Amino acid sequence: EGSSIRKGAVDAVLTAVHASGTAVTPTGAVQTLRPLVSMEAIREV
């Protein structure tokens, strides 16, 4: 239904969440699509 849910090892999920907020442009640069998950949420997890 248009949503993506992931479940797994904590470090793997954190890496996936971080990657989901970025994209690679045609020139190879990493572009931020939206704000990354907050550091507070990462520390709490």
All heavy atoms as atom14 arrays in JSON, in Angstrom:
{
  "sequence": "EGSSIRKGAVDAVLTAVHASGTAVTPTGAVQTLRPLVSMEAIREV",
  "atom14_mask": [
    [1, 1, 1, 1, 1, 1, 1, 1, 1, 0, 0, 0, 0, 0],
    [1, 1, 1, 1, 0, 0, 0, 0, 0, 0, 0, 0, 0, 0],
    [1, 1, 1, 1, 1, 1, 0, 0, 0, 0, 0, 0, 0, 0],
    [1, 1, 1, 1, 1, 1, 0, 0, 0, 0, 0, 0, 0, 0],
    [1, 1, 1, 1, 1, 1, 1, 1, 0, 0, 0, 0, 0, 0],
    [1, 1, 1, 1, 1, 1, 1, 1, 1, 1, 1, 0, 0, 0],
    [1, 1, 1, 1, 1, 1, 1, 1, 1, 0, 0, 0, 0, 0],
    [1, 1, 1, 1, 0, 0, 0, 0, 0, 0, 0, 0, 0, 0],
    [1, 1, 1, 1, 1, 0, 0, 0, 0, 0, 0, 0, 0, 0],
    [1, 1, 1, 1, 1, 1, 1, 0, 0, 0, 0, 0, 0, 0],
    [1, 1, 1, 1, 1, 1, 1, 1, 0, 0, 0, 0, 0, 0],
    [1, 1, 1, 1, 1, 0, 0, 0, 0, 0, 0, 0, 0, 0],
    [1, 1, 1, 1, 1, 1, 1, 0, 0, 0, 0, 0, 0, 0],
    [1, 1, 1, 1, 1, 1, 1, 1, 0, 0, 0, 0, 0, 0],
    [1, 1, 1, 1, 1, 1, 1, 0, 0, 0, 0, 0, 0, 0],
    [1, 1, 1, 1, 1, 0, 0, 0, 0, 0, 0, 0, 0, 0],
    [1, 1, 1, 1, 1, 1, 1, 0, 0, 0, 0, 0, 0, 0],
    [1, 1, 1, 1, 1, 1, 1, 1, 1, 1, 0, 0, 0, 0],
    [1, 1, 1, 1, 1, 0, 0, 0, 0, 0, 0, 0, 0, 0],
    [1, 1, 1, 1, 1, 1, 0, 0, 0, 0, 0, 0, 0, 0],
    [1, 1, 1, 1, 0, 0, 0, 0, 0, 0, 0, 0, 0, 0],
    [1, 1, 1, 1, 1, 1, 1, 0, 0, 0, 0, 0, 0, 0],
    [1, 1, 1, 1, 1, 0, 0, 0, 0, 0, 0, 0, 0, 0],
    [1, 1, 1, 1, 1, 1, 1, 0, 0, 0, 0, 0, 0, 0],
    [1, 1, 1, 1, 1, 1, 1, 0, 0, 0, 0, 0, 0, 0],
    [1, 1, 1, 1, 1, 1, 1, 0, 0, 0, 0, 0, 0, 0],
    [1, 1, 1, 1, 1, 1, 1, 0, 0, 0, 0, 0, 0, 0],
    [1, 1, 1, 1, 0, 0, 0, 0, 0, 0, 0, 0, 0, 0],
    [1, 1, 1, 1, 1, 0, 0, 0, 0, 0, 0, 0, 0, 0],
    [1, 1, 1, 1, 1, 1, 1, 0, 0, 0, 0, 0, 0, 0],
    [1, 1, 1, 1, 1, 1, 1, 1, 1, 0, 0, 0, 0, 0],
    [1, 1, 1, 1, 1, 1, 1, 0, 0, 0, 0, 0, 0, 0],
    [1, 1, 1, 1, 1, 1, 1, 1, 0, 0, 0, 0, 0, 0],
    [1, 1, 1, 1, 1, 1, 1, 1, 1, 1, 1, 0, 0, 0],
    [1, 1, 1, 1, 1, 1, 1, 0, 0, 0, 0, 0, 0, 0],
    [1, 1, 1, 1, 1, 1, 1, 1, 0, 0, 0, 0, 0, 0],
    [1, 1, 1, 1, 1, 1, 1, 0, 0, 0, 0, 0, 0, 0],
    [1, 1, 1, 1, 1, 1, 0, 0, 0, 0, 0, 0, 0, 0],
    [1, 1, 1, 1, 1, 1, 1, 1, 0, 0, 0, 0, 0, 0],
    [1, 1, 1, 1, 1, 1, 1, 1, 1, 0, 0, 0, 0, 0],
    [1, 1, 1, 1, 1, 0, 0, 0, 0, 0, 0, 0, 0, 0],
    [1, 1, 1, 1, 1, 1, 1, 1, 0, 0, 0, 0, 0, 0],
    [1, 1, 1, 1, 1, 1, 1, 1, 1, 1, 1, 0, 0, 0],
    [1, 1, 1, 1, 1, 1, 1, 1, 1, 0, 0, 0, 0, 0],
    [1, 1, 1, 1, 1, 1, 1, 0, 0, 0, 0, 0, 0, 0]
  ],
  "atom14_positions": [
    [[0.81, -1.21, 0.0], [0.0, 0.0, 0.0], [0.85, 1.27, 0.0], [0.58, 2.23, 0.73], [-0.95, 0.01, 1.2], [-1.99, -1.11, 1.15], [-2.96, -1.05, 2.32], [-2.57, -0.54, 3.39], [-4.1, -1.5, 2.16], [0.0, 0.0, 0.0], [0.0, 0.0, 0.0], [0.0, 0.0, 0.0], [0.0, 0.0, 0.0], [0.0, 0.0, 0.0]],
    [[1.92, 1.23, -0.78], [2.76, 2.42, -0.9], [3.72, 2.63, 0.25], [4.46, 3.62, 0.28], [0.0, 0.0, 0.0], [0.0, 0.0, 0.0], [0.0, 0.0, 0.0], [0.0, 0.0, 0.0], [0.0, 0.0, 0.0], [0.0, 0.0, 0.0], [0.0, 0.0, 0.0], [0.0, 0.0, 0.0], [0.0, 0.0, 0.0], [0.0, 0.0, 0.0]],
    [[3.72, 1.72, 1.23], [4.62, 1.84, 2.38], [5.69, 0.76, 2.31], [5.47, -0.34, 1.78], [3.85, 1.72, 3.7], [2.99, 2.82, 3.86], [0.0, 0.0, 0.0], [0.0, 0.0, 0.0], [0.0, 0.0, 0.0], [0.0, 0.0, 0.0], [0.0, 0.0, 0.0], [0.0, 0.0, 0.0], [0.0, 0.0, 0.0], [0.0, 0.0, 0.0]],
    [[6.84, 1.07, 2.89], [7.96, 0.12, 2.96], [8.31, -0.11, 4.43], [8.65, 0.84, 5.14], [9.16, 0.69, 2.2], [10.27, -0.18, 2.32], [0.0, 0.0, 0.0], [0.0, 0.0, 0.0], [0.0, 0.0, 0.0], [0.0, 0.0, 0.0], [0.0, 0.0, 0.0], [0.0, 0.0, 0.0], [0.0, 0.0, 0.0], [0.0, 0.0, 0.0]],
    [[8.16, -1.38, 4.87], [8.45, -1.73, 6.27], [9.64, -2.67, 6.3], [9.7, -3.64, 5.54], [7.23, -2.41, 6.94], [6.0, -1.5, 6.85], [7.54, -2.75, 8.39], [4.71, -2.17, 7.33], [0.0, 0.0, 0.0], [0.0, 0.0, 0.0], [0.0, 0.0, 0.0], [0.0, 0.0, 0.0], [0.0, 0.0, 0.0], [0.0, 0.0, 0.0]],
    [[10.6, -2.38, 7.16], [11.79, -3.23, 7.29], [11.99, -3.63, 8.76], [11.74, -2.82, 9.68], [13.04, -2.51, 6.78], [13.01, -2.2, 5.29], [13.02, -3.48, 4.46], [13.01, -3.18, 3.03], [11.92, -3.09, 2.28], [10.71, -3.24, 2.85], [12.01, -2.83, 0.99], [0.0, 0.0, 0.0], [0.0, 0.0, 0.0], [0.0, 0.0, 0.0]],
    [[12.46, -4.85, 8.94], [12.67, -5.42, 10.28], [13.97, -6.2, 10.23], [14.21, -7.0, 9.31], [11.51, -6.36, 10.62], [11.7, -7.25, 11.84], [10.69, -8.4, 11.83], [11.16, -9.49, 10.88], [10.28, -10.67, 10.86], [0.0, 0.0, 0.0], [0.0, 0.0, 0.0], [0.0, 0.0, 0.0], [0.0, 0.0, 0.0], [0.0, 0.0, 0.0]],
    [[14.85, -5.99, 11.23], [16.09, -6.74, 11.21], [17.07, -6.27, 12.26], [16.69, -5.59, 13.23], [0.0, 0.0, 0.0], [0.0, 0.0, 0.0], [0.0, 0.0, 0.0], [0.0, 0.0, 0.0], [0.0, 0.0, 0.0], [0.0, 0.0, 0.0], [0.0, 0.0, 0.0], [0.0, 0.0, 0.0], [0.0, 0.0, 0.0], [0.0, 0.0, 0.0]],
    [[18.35, -6.63, 12.07], [19.39, -6.23, 13.01], [19.43, -4.72, 13.13], [19.23, -4.0, 12.13], [20.75, -6.76, 12.55], [0.0, 0.0, 0.0], [0.0, 0.0, 0.0], [0.0, 0.0, 0.0], [0.0, 0.0, 0.0], [0.0, 0.0, 0.0], [0.0, 0.0, 0.0], [0.0, 0.0, 0.0], [0.0, 0.0, 0.0], [0.0, 0.0, 0.0]],
    [[19.67, -4.22, 14.32], [19.57, -2.79, 14.59], [20.48, -1.99, 13.67], [20.06, -1.01, 13.04], [19.88, -2.49, 16.07], [19.94, -0.98, 16.31], [18.82, -3.13, 16.96], [0.0, 0.0, 0.0], [0.0, 0.0, 0.0], [0.0, 0.0, 0.0], [0.0, 0.0, 0.0], [0.0, 0.0, 0.0], [0.0, 0.0, 0.0], [0.0, 0.0, 0.0]],
    [[21.75, -2.38, 13.57], [22.68, -1.61, 12.74], [22.28, -1.65, 11.27], [22.43, -0.67, 10.53], [24.11, -2.1, 12.93], [24.27, -3.56, 12.59], [23.28, -4.31, 12.64], [25.41, -3.99, 12.27], [0.0, 0.0, 0.0], [0.0, 0.0, 0.0], [0.0, 0.0, 0.0], [0.0, 0.0, 0.0], [0.0, 0.0, 0.0], [0.0, 0.0, 0.0]],
    [[21.73, -2.82, 10.8], [21.32, -2.93, 9.41], [20.13, -2.02, 9.12], [20.06, -1.36, 8.07], [20.97, -4.38, 9.08], [0.0, 0.0, 0.0], [0.0, 0.0, 0.0], [0.0, 0.0, 0.0], [0.0, 0.0, 0.0], [0.0, 0.0, 0.0], [0.0, 0.0, 0.0], [0.0, 0.0, 0.0], [0.0, 0.0, 0.0], [0.0, 0.0, 0.0]],
    [[19.16, -1.96, 10.02], [17.98, -1.11, 9.83], [18.38, 0.37, 9.87], [17.89, 1.19, 9.06], [16.91, -1.43, 10.88], [15.77, -0.4, 10.82], [16.35, -2.82, 10.66], [0.0, 0.0, 0.0], [0.0, 0.0, 0.0], [0.0, 0.0, 0.0], [0.0, 0.0, 0.0], [0.0, 0.0, 0.0], [0.0, 0.0, 0.0], [0.0, 0.0, 0.0]],
    [[19.28, 0.73, 10.79], [19.72, 2.12, 10.87], [20.42, 2.54, 9.58], [20.22, 3.65, 9.07], [20.66, 2.31, 12.07], [20.01, 2.22, 13.46], [21.06, 2.36, 14.54], [18.93, 3.27, 13.62], [0.0, 0.0, 0.0], [0.0, 0.0, 0.0], [0.0, 0.0, 0.0], [0.0, 0.0, 0.0], [0.0, 0.0, 0.0], [0.0, 0.0, 0.0]],
    [[21.23, 1.63, 9.03], [21.9, 1.92, 7.77], [20.89, 2.09, 6.64], [21.0, 3.0, 5.81], [22.89, 0.8, 7.41], [23.86, 0.68, 8.46], [23.6, 1.07, 6.1], [0.0, 0.0, 0.0], [0.0, 0.0, 0.0], [0.0, 0.0, 0.0], [0.0, 0.0, 0.0], [0.0, 0.0, 0.0], [0.0, 0.0, 0.0], [0.0, 0.0, 0.0]],
    [[19.87, 1.21, 6.62], [18.85, 1.29, 5.58], [18.03, 2.57, 5.7], [17.69, 3.2, 4.69], [17.94, 0.07, 5.65], [0.0, 0.0, 0.0], [0.0, 0.0, 0.0], [0.0, 0.0, 0.0], [0.0, 0.0, 0.0], [0.0, 0.0, 0.0], [0.0, 0.0, 0.0], [0.0, 0.0, 0.0], [0.0, 0.0, 0.0], [0.0, 0.0, 0.0]],
    [[17.72, 2.98, 6.92], [16.95, 4.2, 7.14], [17.74, 5.41, 6.67], [17.22, 6.33, 6.03], [16.57, 4.34, 8.63], [16.05, 5.74, 8.93], [15.52, 3.32, 9.0], [0.0, 0.0, 0.0], [0.0, 0.0, 0.0], [0.0, 0.0, 0.0], [0.0, 0.0, 0.0], [0.0, 0.0, 0.0], [0.0, 0.0, 0.0], [0.0, 0.0, 0.0]],
    [[19.04, 5.41, 6.98], [19.89, 6.52, 6.56], [19.96, 6.58, 5.04], [19.86, 7.65, 4.42], [21.29, 6.35, 7.14], [22.23, 7.45, 6.78], [22.96, 7.46, 5.6], [22.55, 8.61, 7.42], [23.69, 8.56, 5.54], [23.46, 9.28, 6.65], [0.0, 0.0, 0.0], [0.0, 0.0, 0.0], [0.0, 0.0, 0.0], [0.0, 0.0, 0.0]],
    [[20.09, 5.4, 4.38], [20.19, 5.36, 2.92], [18.89, 5.79, 2.25], [18.89, 6.33, 1.14], [20.58, 3.96, 2.46], [0.0, 0.0, 0.0], [0.0, 0.0, 0.0], [0.0, 0.0, 0.0], [0.0, 0.0, 0.0], [0.0, 0.0, 0.0], [0.0, 0.0, 0.0], [0.0, 0.0, 0.0], [0.0, 0.0, 0.0], [0.0, 0.0, 0.0]],
    [[17.76, 5.54, 2.89], [16.47, 5.87, 2.28], [16.25, 7.36, 2.17], [15.37, 7.81, 1.44], [15.33, 5.23, 3.09], [15.21, 5.87, 4.35], [0.0, 0.0, 0.0], [0.0, 0.0, 0.0], [0.0, 0.0, 0.0], [0.0, 0.0, 0.0], [0.0, 0.0, 0.0], [0.0, 0.0, 0.0], [0.0, 0.0, 0.0], [0.0, 0.0, 0.0]],
    [[17.04, 8.15, 2.89], [16.88, 9.6, 2.83], [17.8, 10.26, 1.85], [17.9, 11.49, 1.82], [0.0, 0.0, 0.0], [0.0, 0.0, 0.0], [0.0, 0.0, 0.0], [0.0, 0.0, 0.0], [0.0, 0.0, 0.0], [0.0, 0.0, 0.0], [0.0, 0.0, 0.0], [0.0, 0.0, 0.0], [0.0, 0.0, 0.0], [0.0, 0.0, 0.0]],
    [[18.51, 9.48, 1.02], [19.44, 10.04, 0.06], [19.25, 9.39, -1.3], [18.62, 8.34, -1.42], [20.9, 9.81, 0.51], [21.14, 8.4, 0.59], [21.16, 10.44, 1.88], [0.0, 0.0, 0.0], [0.0, 0.0, 0.0], [0.0, 0.0, 0.0], [0.0, 0.0, 0.0], [0.0, 0.0, 0.0], [0.0, 0.0, 0.0], [0.0, 0.0, 0.0]],
    [[19.82, 10.01, -2.33], [19.79, 9.45, -3.68], [21.06, 9.87, -4.41], [21.69, 10.88, -4.06], [18.55, 9.94, -4.43], [0.0, 0.0, 0.0], [0.0, 0.0, 0.0], [0.0, 0.0, 0.0], [0.0, 0.0, 0.0], [0.0, 0.0, 0.0], [0.0, 0.0, 0.0], [0.0, 0.0, 0.0], [0.0, 0.0, 0.0], [0.0, 0.0, 0.0]],
    [[21.43, 9.12, -5.43], [22.62, 9.43, -6.21], [22.2, 10.14, -7.49], [21.38, 9.62, -8.26], [23.43, 8.15, -6.53], [24.66, 8.51, -7.35], [23.81, 7.44, -5.25], [0.0, 0.0, 0.0], [0.0, 0.0, 0.0], [0.0, 0.0, 0.0], [0.0, 0.0, 0.0], [0.0, 0.0, 0.0], [0.0, 0.0, 0.0], [0.0, 0.0, 0.0]],
    [[22.75, 11.31, -7.73], [22.42, 12.09, -8.93], [23.17, 11.53, -10.12], [24.11, 10.76, -9.97], [22.8, 13.57, -8.72], [24.23, 13.64, -8.63], [22.17, 14.14, -7.46], [0.0, 0.0, 0.0], [0.0, 0.0, 0.0], [0.0, 0.0, 0.0], [0.0, 0.0, 0.0], [0.0, 0.0, 0.0], [0.0, 0.0, 0.0], [0.0, 0.0, 0.0]],
    [[22.78, 11.9, -11.36], [23.47, 11.42, -12.56], [24.96, 11.73, -12.55], [25.75, 11.02, -13.16], [22.75, 12.15, -13.69], [21.37, 12.4, -13.16], [21.57, 12.69, -11.7], [0.0, 0.0, 0.0], [0.0, 0.0, 0.0], [0.0, 0.0, 0.0], [0.0, 0.0, 0.0], [0.0, 0.0, 0.0], [0.0, 0.0, 0.0], [0.0, 0.0, 0.0]],
    [[25.36, 12.79, -11.83], [26.79, 13.12, -11.78], [27.55, 12.32, -10.73], [28.76, 12.44, -10.6], [26.97, 14.62, -11.48], [26.41, 14.9, -10.19], [26.32, 15.46, -12.56], [0.0, 0.0, 0.0], [0.0, 0.0, 0.0], [0.0, 0.0, 0.0], [0.0, 0.0, 0.0], [0.0, 0.0, 0.0], [0.0, 0.0, 0.0], [0.0, 0.0, 0.0]],
    [[26.8, 11.51, -9.92], [27.45, 10.69, -8.9], [27.43, 11.29, -7.52], [27.89, 10.68, -6.56], [0.0, 0.0, 0.0], [0.0, 0.0, 0.0], [0.0, 0.0, 0.0], [0.0, 0.0, 0.0], [0.0, 0.0, 0.0], [0.0, 0.0, 0.0], [0.0, 0.0, 0.0], [0.0, 0.0, 0.0], [0.0, 0.0, 0.0], [0.0, 0.0, 0.0]],
    [[26.88, 12.5, -7.4], [26.82, 13.13, -6.09], [25.65, 12.6, -5.29], [24.62, 12.2, -5.83], [26.68, 14.65, -6.26], [0.0, 0.0, 0.0], [0.0, 0.0, 0.0], [0.0, 0.0, 0.0], [0.0, 0.0, 0.0], [0.0, 0.0, 0.0], [0.0, 0.0, 0.0], [0.0, 0.0, 0.0], [0.0, 0.0, 0.0], [0.0, 0.0, 0.0]],
    [[25.82, 12.57, -3.95], [24.76, 12.12, -3.06], [23.89, 13.32, -2.72], [24.37, 14.34, -2.21], [25.33, 11.49, -1.78], [24.19, 11.13, -0.83], [26.17, 10.29, -2.11], [0.0, 0.0, 0.0], [0.0, 0.0, 0.0], [0.0, 0.0, 0.0], [0.0, 0.0, 0.0], [0.0, 0.0, 0.0], [0.0, 0.0, 0.0], [0.0, 0.0, 0.0]],
    [[22.58, 13.2, -3.0], [21.64, 14.3, -2.77], [20.65, 13.9, -1.67], [20.11, 12.8, -1.67], [20.86, 14.6, -4.06], [19.79, 15.66, -3.89], [18.97, 15.83, -5.16], [19.23, 15.16, -6.16], [17.99, 16.71, -5.11], [0.0, 0.0, 0.0], [0.0, 0.0, 0.0], [0.0, 0.0, 0.0], [0.0, 0.0, 0.0], [0.0, 0.0, 0.0]],
    [[20.47, 14.78, -0.68], [19.51, 14.53, 0.39], [18.11, 14.82, -0.12], [17.82, 15.94, -0.57], [19.81, 15.41, 1.61], [21.12, 15.12, 2.07], [18.79, 15.16, 2.72], [0.0, 0.0, 0.0], [0.0, 0.0, 0.0], [0.0, 0.0, 0.0], [0.0, 0.0, 0.0], [0.0, 0.0, 0.0], [0.0, 0.0, 0.0], [0.0, 0.0, 0.0]],
    [[17.24, 13.79, -0.03], [15.87, 13.93, -0.53], [14.96, 14.51, 0.54], [13.99, 15.19, 0.23], [15.34, 12.59, -1.0], [16.15, 11.91, -2.12], [15.52, 10.58, -2.48], [16.21, 12.81, -3.36], [0.0, 0.0, 0.0], [0.0, 0.0, 0.0], [0.0, 0.0, 0.0], [0.0, 0.0, 0.0], [0.0, 0.0, 0.0], [0.0, 0.0, 0.0]],
    [[15.23, 14.16, 1.78], [14.42, 14.67, 2.87], [15.28, 14.61, 4.14], [16.32, 13.93, 4.16], [13.15, 13.83, 3.06], [13.37, 12.37, 3.38], [12.01, 11.7, 3.63], [12.18, 10.31, 3.97], [12.23, 9.32, 3.07], [12.15, 9.6, 1.79], [12.38, 8.07, 3.46], [0.0, 0.0, 0.0], [0.0, 0.0, 0.0], [0.0, 0.0, 0.0]],
    [[14.87, 15.21, 5.2], [15.7, 15.2, 6.4], [15.96, 13.78, 6.89], [15.08, 12.92, 6.84], [14.86, 15.99, 7.41], [13.97, 16.84, 6.57], [13.68, 16.03, 5.34], [0.0, 0.0, 0.0], [0.0, 0.0, 0.0], [0.0, 0.0, 0.0], [0.0, 0.0, 0.0], [0.0, 0.0, 0.0], [0.0, 0.0, 0.0], [0.0, 0.0, 0.0]],
    [[17.17, 13.51, 7.31], [17.5, 12.2, 7.85], [16.76, 11.99, 9.17], [16.32, 12.95, 9.81], [19.01, 12.09, 8.08], [19.89, 12.25, 6.84], [21.35, 12.21, 7.22], [19.59, 11.15, 5.84], [0.0, 0.0, 0.0], [0.0, 0.0, 0.0], [0.0, 0.0, 0.0], [0.0, 0.0, 0.0], [0.0, 0.0, 0.0], [0.0, 0.0, 0.0]],
    [[16.65, 10.71, 9.57], [16.02, 10.4, 10.85], [16.82, 11.09, 11.96], [18.05, 11.21, 11.89], [15.98, 8.87, 11.07], [17.36, 8.3, 11.18], [15.17, 8.54, 12.32], [0.0, 0.0, 0.0], [0.0, 0.0, 0.0], [0.0, 0.0, 0.0], [0.0, 0.0, 0.0], [0.0, 0.0, 0.0], [0.0, 0.0, 0.0], [0.0, 0.0, 0.0]],
    [[16.13, 11.55, 12.96], [16.79, 12.34, 13.99], [17.78, 11.51, 14.78], [17.59, 10.31, 14.99], [15.74, 12.94, 14.94], [15.16, 11.92, 15.73], [0.0, 0.0, 0.0], [0.0, 0.0, 0.0], [0.0, 0.0, 0.0], [0.0, 0.0, 0.0], [0.0, 0.0, 0.0], [0.0, 0.0, 0.0], [0.0, 0.0, 0.0], [0.0, 0.0, 0.0]],
    [[18.84, 12.17, 15.22], [19.83, 11.49, 16.06], [19.21, 11.04, 17.38], [19.62, 10.04, 17.95], [21.01, 12.43, 16.32], [21.87, 12.7, 15.09], [22.53, 11.15, 14.38], [23.52, 10.56, 15.75], [0.0, 0.0, 0.0], [0.0, 0.0, 0.0], [0.0, 0.0, 0.0], [0.0, 0.0, 0.0], [0.0, 0.0, 0.0], [0.0, 0.0, 0.0]],
    [[18.21, 11.79, 17.85], [17.55, 11.4, 19.1], [16.86, 10.05, 18.96], [16.95, 9.2, 19.85], [16.52, 12.48, 19.48], [15.82, 12.18, 20.8], [14.77, 13.23, 21.14], [14.69, 14.25, 20.43], [14.02, 13.0, 22.12], [0.0, 0.0, 0.0], [0.0, 0.0, 0.0], [0.0, 0.0, 0.0], [0.0, 0.0, 0.0], [0.0, 0.0, 0.0]],
    [[16.21, 9.82, 17.8], [15.55, 8.54, 17.57], [16.57, 7.41, 17.46], [16.35, 6.3, 17.97], [14.7, 8.62, 16.3], [0.0, 0.0, 0.0], [0.0, 0.0, 0.0], [0.0, 0.0, 0.0], [0.0, 0.0, 0.0], [0.0, 0.0, 0.0], [0.0, 0.0, 0.0], [0.0, 0.0, 0.0], [0.0, 0.0, 0.0], [0.0, 0.0, 0.0]],
    [[17.69, 7.7, 16.8], [18.74, 6.68, 16.66], [19.29, 6.3, 18.03], [19.46, 5.12, 18.36], [19.87, 7.19, 15.74], [19.35, 7.33, 14.3], [21.08, 6.26, 15.8], [20.36, 7.95, 13.36], [0.0, 0.0, 0.0], [0.0, 0.0, 0.0], [0.0, 0.0, 0.0], [0.0, 0.0, 0.0], [0.0, 0.0, 0.0], [0.0, 0.0, 0.0]],
    [[19.59, 7.34, 18.86], [20.12, 7.07, 20.2], [19.12, 6.3, 21.04], [19.49, 5.41, 21.81], [20.51, 8.38, 20.88], [21.81, 8.98, 20.36], [22.3, 10.07, 21.3], [21.39, 11.21, 21.31], [21.5, 12.29, 20.52], [22.5, 12.35, 19.65], [20.64, 13.29, 20.61], [0.0, 0.0, 0.0], [0.0, 0.0, 0.0], [0.0, 0.0, 0.0]],
    [[17.84, 6.61, 20.9], [16.82, 5.91, 21.69], [16.72, 4.45, 21.28], [16.64, 3.56, 22.14], [15.46, 6.6, 21.52], [14.41, 6.05, 22.48], [13.09, 6.81, 22.4], [12.99, 7.81, 21.67], [12.13, 6.38, 23.09], [0.0, 0.0, 0.0], [0.0, 0.0, 0.0], [0.0, 0.0, 0.0], [0.0, 0.0, 0.0], [0.0, 0.0, 0.0]],
    [[16.76, 4.17, 19.97], [16.72, 2.79, 19.49], [17.95, 2.02, 19.97], [17.86, 0.87, 20.44], [16.63, 2.75, 17.95], [16.96, 1.35, 17.43], [15.24, 3.15, 17.49], [0.0, 0.0, 0.0], [0.0, 0.0, 0.0], [0.0, 0.0, 0.0], [0.0, 0.0, 0.0], [0.0, 0.0, 0.0], [0.0, 0.0, 0.0], [0.0, 0.0, 0.0]]
  ]
}
